[in-house]
Protein backbone atom coordinates (compact mmCIF):
# COMPACT_ATOMS: atom_id res chain seq x y z
CA MET A 1 54.70 -32.39 -63.91
CA THR A 2 55.66 -29.72 -61.47
CA THR A 3 53.14 -28.86 -58.76
CA THR A 4 53.27 -25.42 -57.29
CA ALA A 5 52.14 -25.25 -53.64
CA ARG A 6 49.75 -22.52 -52.66
CA PRO A 7 51.14 -20.20 -50.01
CA GLU A 8 49.56 -20.58 -46.58
CA SER A 9 48.38 -17.02 -46.71
CA ALA A 10 46.22 -17.91 -49.69
CA VAL A 11 44.29 -20.57 -47.76
CA THR A 12 40.93 -19.22 -46.56
CA PRO A 13 39.86 -20.94 -43.31
CA GLU A 14 36.22 -21.02 -42.20
CA ALA A 15 35.14 -17.68 -40.79
CA ALA A 16 35.08 -17.67 -36.95
CA PRO A 17 31.67 -16.83 -35.40
CA ALA A 18 31.34 -13.22 -34.36
CA PRO A 19 31.29 -12.70 -30.57
CA ALA A 20 27.79 -12.25 -29.14
CA ALA A 21 26.87 -8.68 -28.41
CA PRO A 22 26.65 -7.98 -24.68
CA ALA A 23 23.08 -7.88 -23.38
CA ASP A 24 21.68 -4.50 -22.49
CA PRO A 25 21.72 -3.90 -18.74
CA THR A 26 18.40 -4.33 -17.02
CA PHE A 27 16.65 -1.52 -15.22
CA GLU A 28 17.49 -3.16 -11.88
CA GLU A 29 21.20 -3.29 -12.81
CA LEU A 30 21.22 0.36 -13.80
CA ALA A 31 19.39 1.32 -10.61
CA GLY A 32 21.95 -0.66 -8.62
CA ARG A 33 24.78 1.28 -10.23
CA VAL A 34 23.07 4.54 -9.37
CA ASP A 35 22.57 3.46 -5.75
CA ALA A 36 26.22 2.40 -5.48
CA ALA A 37 27.39 5.74 -6.89
CA VAL A 38 25.15 7.69 -4.51
CA THR A 39 26.49 5.68 -1.55
CA ALA A 40 30.08 6.28 -2.64
CA ALA A 41 29.46 10.01 -3.16
CA ALA A 42 28.03 10.32 0.35
CA GLU A 43 31.37 9.18 1.77
CA LEU A 44 33.40 11.85 -0.03
CA ASP A 45 34.79 14.85 1.79
CA ASP A 46 32.88 18.11 1.37
CA PRO A 47 34.86 19.63 -1.57
CA ALA A 48 34.74 16.36 -3.54
CA LYS A 49 31.07 15.87 -2.67
CA ALA A 50 30.26 19.36 -3.97
CA VAL A 51 31.98 18.56 -7.28
CA ALA A 52 30.09 15.26 -7.55
CA GLU A 53 26.75 16.97 -6.85
CA GLU A 54 27.49 19.65 -9.44
CA LEU A 55 28.37 16.97 -11.99
CA GLN A 56 25.14 15.13 -11.23
CA ALA A 57 23.09 18.33 -11.60
CA ALA A 58 24.81 19.21 -14.89
CA VAL A 59 24.28 15.73 -16.38
CA GLU A 60 20.62 15.71 -15.28
CA ALA A 61 20.12 19.17 -16.82
CA VAL A 62 21.55 17.95 -20.15
CA HIS A 63 19.35 14.83 -20.03
CA LYS A 64 16.26 16.89 -19.24
CA ALA A 65 16.94 19.34 -22.08
CA GLY A 66 17.37 16.47 -24.54
CA LEU A 67 14.26 14.64 -23.33
CA VAL A 68 12.17 17.82 -23.53
CA THR A 69 13.31 18.33 -27.13
CA ILE A 70 12.37 14.74 -28.03
CA VAL A 71 8.95 14.95 -26.36
CA ARG A 72 8.13 18.28 -28.00
CA ALA A 73 9.08 16.97 -31.42
CA LEU A 74 6.95 13.85 -31.00
CA LYS A 75 3.99 15.90 -29.73
CA ALA A 76 4.28 18.34 -32.66
CA ASP A 77 4.20 15.55 -35.25
CA GLU A 78 0.68 14.17 -35.36
CA SER A 79 1.83 10.89 -36.86
CA ALA A 80 4.41 10.43 -34.07
CA ARG A 81 2.11 11.09 -31.11
CA SER A 82 1.03 7.47 -30.91
CA VAL A 83 4.70 6.50 -30.55
CA LEU A 84 5.08 9.01 -27.71
CA PHE A 85 2.03 7.60 -25.92
CA GLU A 86 3.41 4.07 -26.27
CA LEU A 87 6.74 5.19 -24.81
CA VAL A 88 5.08 6.93 -21.87
CA ASP A 89 3.27 3.68 -21.06
CA ASP A 90 6.62 1.92 -20.67
CA PRO A 91 7.41 1.84 -16.91
CA THR A 92 11.09 2.79 -17.34
CA VAL A 93 10.38 5.67 -19.72
CA HIS A 94 7.48 6.84 -17.52
CA LEU A 95 9.75 6.88 -14.47
CA LEU A 96 12.49 8.76 -16.34
CA LEU A 97 10.10 11.43 -17.61
CA SER A 98 8.51 11.72 -14.16
CA LEU A 99 11.89 12.17 -12.45
CA HIS A 100 12.65 15.08 -14.76
CA GLU A 101 9.12 16.47 -14.22
CA ILE A 102 8.44 16.32 -17.95
CA ILE A 103 5.18 14.53 -17.28
CA ARG A 104 3.18 14.73 -14.12
CA PRO A 105 2.95 11.48 -12.16
CA ASP A 106 -0.47 9.88 -11.80
CA PRO A 107 -2.49 11.29 -8.86
CA MET A 108 -2.00 8.19 -6.66
CA THR A 109 1.79 8.30 -7.11
CA GLU A 110 1.84 12.05 -6.52
CA ALA A 111 -0.36 11.77 -3.41
CA ASN A 112 1.73 8.97 -1.91
CA ARG A 113 4.84 11.07 -2.48
CA VAL A 114 3.21 13.94 -0.57
CA LEU A 115 2.23 11.64 2.29
CA VAL A 116 5.85 10.51 2.64
CA SER A 117 6.73 14.08 3.63
CA VAL A 118 4.16 14.21 6.47
CA ARG A 119 4.41 10.59 7.65
CA PRO A 120 7.34 11.24 10.08
CA GLN A 121 5.29 13.87 11.90
CA LEU A 122 2.30 11.52 12.10
CA GLN A 123 4.41 8.64 13.36
CA SER A 124 6.01 10.83 16.02
CA HIS A 125 2.50 11.13 17.51
CA GLY A 126 1.78 7.41 17.29
CA GLY A 127 -0.21 7.57 14.04
CA ASP A 128 -0.02 6.92 10.32
CA VAL A 129 -2.04 7.32 7.13
CA THR A 130 -2.89 5.06 4.20
CA LEU A 131 -4.14 6.36 0.85
CA VAL A 132 -7.01 4.12 -0.27
CA ARG A 133 -8.02 5.76 -3.56
CA ILE A 134 -8.77 9.07 -5.28
CA GLU A 135 -12.28 9.64 -6.59
CA ASP A 136 -13.55 12.78 -8.36
CA GLY A 137 -10.85 14.93 -6.79
CA THR A 138 -11.33 13.51 -3.28
CA ALA A 139 -8.47 11.61 -1.66
CA ILE A 140 -9.94 8.83 0.48
CA VAL A 141 -7.61 7.92 3.33
CA ARG A 142 -7.58 5.72 6.38
CA LEU A 143 -6.01 7.25 9.49
CA GLU A 144 -4.33 4.95 11.97
CA GLY A 145 -3.17 5.28 15.55
CA ALA A 146 -3.54 8.62 17.28
CA CYS A 147 -4.44 10.33 14.00
CA ASN A 148 -7.92 8.89 14.24
CA GLY A 149 -8.46 9.70 17.89
CA CYS A 150 -10.74 12.27 19.44
CA SER A 151 -8.27 14.67 21.05
CA MET A 152 -7.33 18.09 19.73
CA SER A 153 -3.92 16.78 18.67
CA SER A 154 -5.57 14.15 16.46
CA VAL A 155 -7.66 16.86 14.77
CA THR A 156 -4.44 18.76 14.06
CA LEU A 157 -2.89 15.66 12.49
CA ARG A 158 -5.93 15.06 10.28
CA ASN A 159 -5.76 18.68 9.14
CA LEU A 160 -2.06 18.20 8.38
CA VAL A 161 -2.88 15.32 6.01
CA GLU A 162 -5.64 17.27 4.27
CA GLU A 163 -3.59 20.43 3.84
CA ALA A 164 -0.62 18.50 2.44
CA LEU A 165 -2.71 16.61 -0.12
CA VAL A 166 -4.73 19.59 -1.31
CA ALA A 167 -1.63 21.78 -1.62
CA GLY A 168 0.65 19.11 -3.08
CA VAL A 169 -1.63 17.32 -5.57
CA SER A 170 -3.30 19.52 -8.15
CA SER A 171 -6.10 17.05 -8.84
CA VAL A 172 -7.06 16.69 -5.16
CA THR A 173 -9.58 19.21 -3.85
CA GLY A 174 -10.63 17.48 -0.65
CA VAL A 175 -9.98 14.58 1.71
CA GLU A 176 -12.40 12.00 3.10
CA VAL A 177 -11.45 9.90 6.13
CA LEU A 178 -12.86 6.39 6.24
CA PRO A 179 -14.56 5.69 9.58
CA ASN A 180 -13.46 2.88 11.86
CA GLU A 181 -16.51 1.22 13.35
CA PRO A 182 -16.03 -0.28 16.83
CA SER A 183 -17.37 -3.71 17.72
CA PRO A 184 -18.66 -4.57 21.19
CA THR A 185 -16.70 -6.74 23.57
CA LEU A 186 -18.72 -9.61 25.04
CA ILE A 187 -17.96 -11.16 28.43
CA PRO A 188 -19.16 -14.76 28.91
CA LEU A 189 -22.00 -15.06 31.40
CA ASP A 190 -20.07 -17.71 33.36
CA SER A 191 -17.45 -15.11 34.23
CA LEU A 192 -20.10 -12.91 35.86
CA ARG A 193 -21.44 -15.48 38.31
CA ILE A 194 -20.51 -15.08 41.94
CA GLY A 195 -20.45 -18.32 43.95
CA ALA A 196 -20.68 -18.96 47.66
CA ASP A 197 -17.09 -17.81 48.18
CA PRO A 198 -16.37 -15.00 45.68
CA ALA A 199 -12.75 -14.64 46.82
CA THR A 200 -11.86 -18.14 45.63
CA GLU A 201 -13.12 -17.23 42.17
CA GLY A 202 -11.04 -14.08 41.89
CA TRP A 203 -13.76 -11.59 42.77
CA VAL A 204 -12.78 -8.52 44.82
CA LYS A 205 -15.17 -6.01 46.35
CA ALA A 206 -14.29 -2.59 44.89
CA GLY A 207 -16.61 -0.57 47.16
CA PRO A 208 -20.04 1.06 47.01
CA VAL A 209 -21.39 1.86 43.57
CA ALA A 210 -22.17 5.37 44.87
CA ASP A 211 -18.42 6.06 45.11
CA LEU A 212 -17.98 5.75 41.34
CA ALA A 213 -19.23 9.09 40.05
CA GLU A 214 -21.09 9.31 36.76
CA GLY A 215 -19.03 10.72 33.87
CA LYS A 216 -15.76 9.93 35.67
CA VAL A 217 -12.81 7.59 35.35
CA SER A 218 -12.00 6.08 38.74
CA PRO A 219 -8.58 4.44 39.22
CA LEU A 220 -8.57 1.54 41.70
CA SER A 221 -5.95 -0.75 43.19
CA LEU A 222 -7.42 -4.09 44.23
CA THR A 223 -5.77 -7.03 45.97
CA ALA A 224 -7.01 -10.52 45.20
CA ALA A 225 -7.17 -13.37 47.73
CA SER A 226 -4.01 -14.77 46.16
CA GLY A 227 -2.18 -11.59 47.22
CA SER A 228 -1.67 -10.21 43.72
CA THR A 229 -2.51 -6.56 43.17
CA ALA A 230 -4.43 -5.32 40.14
CA GLU A 231 -4.34 -1.72 38.90
CA LEU A 232 -7.52 -0.83 37.03
CA VAL A 233 -9.93 1.94 36.11
CA VAL A 234 -13.73 1.96 36.24
CA VAL A 235 -15.52 4.08 33.64
CA ASN A 236 -19.01 5.37 34.45
CA VAL A 237 -21.04 6.43 31.38
CA GLU A 238 -24.65 7.20 32.28
CA GLN A 239 -24.47 4.77 35.22
CA ARG A 240 -23.08 1.98 33.01
CA LEU A 241 -19.90 0.76 34.68
CA THR A 242 -17.01 -0.87 32.84
CA ALA A 243 -13.71 -1.98 34.38
CA TYR A 244 -10.41 -2.08 32.49
CA VAL A 245 -6.82 -2.93 33.32
CA ASN A 246 -5.15 0.45 33.84
CA GLU A 247 -3.01 0.30 30.69
CA CYS A 248 -3.42 1.97 27.30
CA ALA A 249 -3.18 -0.57 24.46
CA HIS A 250 -0.60 1.66 22.76
CA GLU A 251 2.37 1.67 25.15
CA GLY A 252 0.85 0.39 28.38
CA LEU A 253 0.78 3.84 30.01
CA PRO A 254 -1.80 4.43 32.79
CA LEU A 255 -5.26 5.81 32.06
CA ASP A 256 -5.77 7.58 35.41
CA ASN A 257 -6.19 10.97 33.72
CA ALA A 258 -7.90 9.71 30.56
CA MET A 259 -10.46 12.09 29.08
CA LEU A 260 -14.00 10.67 29.19
CA ASP A 261 -16.50 12.18 26.76
CA ALA A 262 -19.76 10.78 28.11
CA ALA A 263 -21.84 12.39 25.35
CA ASN A 264 -19.88 10.58 22.63
CA GLY A 265 -19.07 7.53 24.73
CA THR A 266 -15.32 7.81 24.15
CA LEU A 267 -12.27 7.46 26.36
CA THR A 268 -9.06 9.16 25.19
CA CYS A 269 -5.61 8.31 26.53
CA PRO A 270 -3.90 11.45 27.92
CA TRP A 271 -0.46 10.42 26.61
CA HIS A 272 -0.74 9.96 22.85
CA GLY A 273 -4.42 10.56 22.13
CA PHE A 274 -5.50 6.97 21.46
CA CYS A 275 -9.29 6.92 21.54
CA TYR A 276 -11.48 4.04 22.75
CA ASP A 277 -15.14 3.15 22.93
CA ALA A 278 -15.74 3.74 26.63
CA SER A 279 -18.18 0.86 27.00
CA SER A 280 -16.42 -1.88 25.03
CA GLY A 281 -12.75 -0.87 25.14
CA GLU A 282 -12.46 -1.19 21.35
CA CYS A 283 -9.84 1.22 20.01
CA LEU A 284 -11.32 3.71 17.54
CA SER A 285 -7.84 4.87 16.50
CA THR A 286 -6.34 1.51 15.60
CA PRO A 287 -8.85 -1.22 14.73
CA GLY A 288 -7.89 -4.45 16.43
CA ALA A 289 -6.37 -2.80 19.50
CA GLN A 290 -8.34 -3.31 22.69
CA LEU A 291 -8.35 -2.35 26.35
CA GLU A 292 -8.40 -5.40 28.62
CA GLN A 293 -11.89 -5.49 30.09
CA LEU A 294 -12.56 -7.14 33.46
CA PRO A 295 -15.86 -8.75 34.57
CA LEU A 296 -17.84 -6.39 36.82
CA ARG A 297 -20.96 -7.06 38.91
CA ILE A 298 -23.11 -4.96 41.24
CA ASP A 299 -24.45 -6.88 44.26
CA ASP A 300 -26.48 -5.18 47.00
CA GLY A 301 -25.06 -1.75 46.12
CA ASP A 302 -21.45 -2.95 46.03
CA VAL A 303 -19.23 -3.24 42.98
CA TRP A 304 -17.39 -6.53 42.51
CA ILE A 305 -14.61 -6.92 39.96
CA ARG A 306 -13.02 -10.18 38.94
CA VAL A 307 -9.25 -9.70 38.81
CA GLY A 308 -8.09 -13.33 38.80
CA ARG A 309 -8.87 -16.87 39.92
């Protein structure tokens, strides 16, 4: 019997598995590509950069037109609106629609974006601002540094924040600044005792109490028994005397010409407007900052200040 061989081409091997489809790029990967392209475009010469910017603007305009058409169609179809709302809740889609100004960002995002524009001016004056929340059209903020001081410049900075938020965020009609409550500074009683030889305990006679005028800031330079010299200021508020090292807690600049508001009990640095509780040294502008207070005693009409041991 004759056997006829089948041609090789007629043999059907097992089908090879299809290659796996490449995974969709993540949002972070796409953002990285955008950042890399922006960095590369910034290094182009001016003519090439102009072409790149025009290309970017044209592509974004096409994308915006297409997205607007999609959103309008979904909004017009009552049965498709739920799909649109689900898409808007997706962080990537929400960001894309916000970038093209198709939907307005939420008030907190919009307000923080406005504050970014004024923050450099605040920081140039030693201050900053934090948005806490928005309630019933009122943006509640916490001012930091010189922004929360008592000088005229600090008032100007607070007004800058309010004007920017009211003008830049349609849902904001006013601004409320959270207060910063000072806390008193306590000096241990042991540090106020004067022994038989005050000089050995770091006490220095600063002079008659009558020389420290009420409502004034008096700069003093005292030399301890050890030979070290201490630069300080004595603040007199309604005959209550407090001594501080002559350095602002902000940048260590002297407080010789600090503005003392005896009625409000505040001491304002003349350099950058940092404001302190005159009696405790607690900074009202930046909670946690503090003037260095020195023990002070009055003995037989003389003021004694402890500047070291």
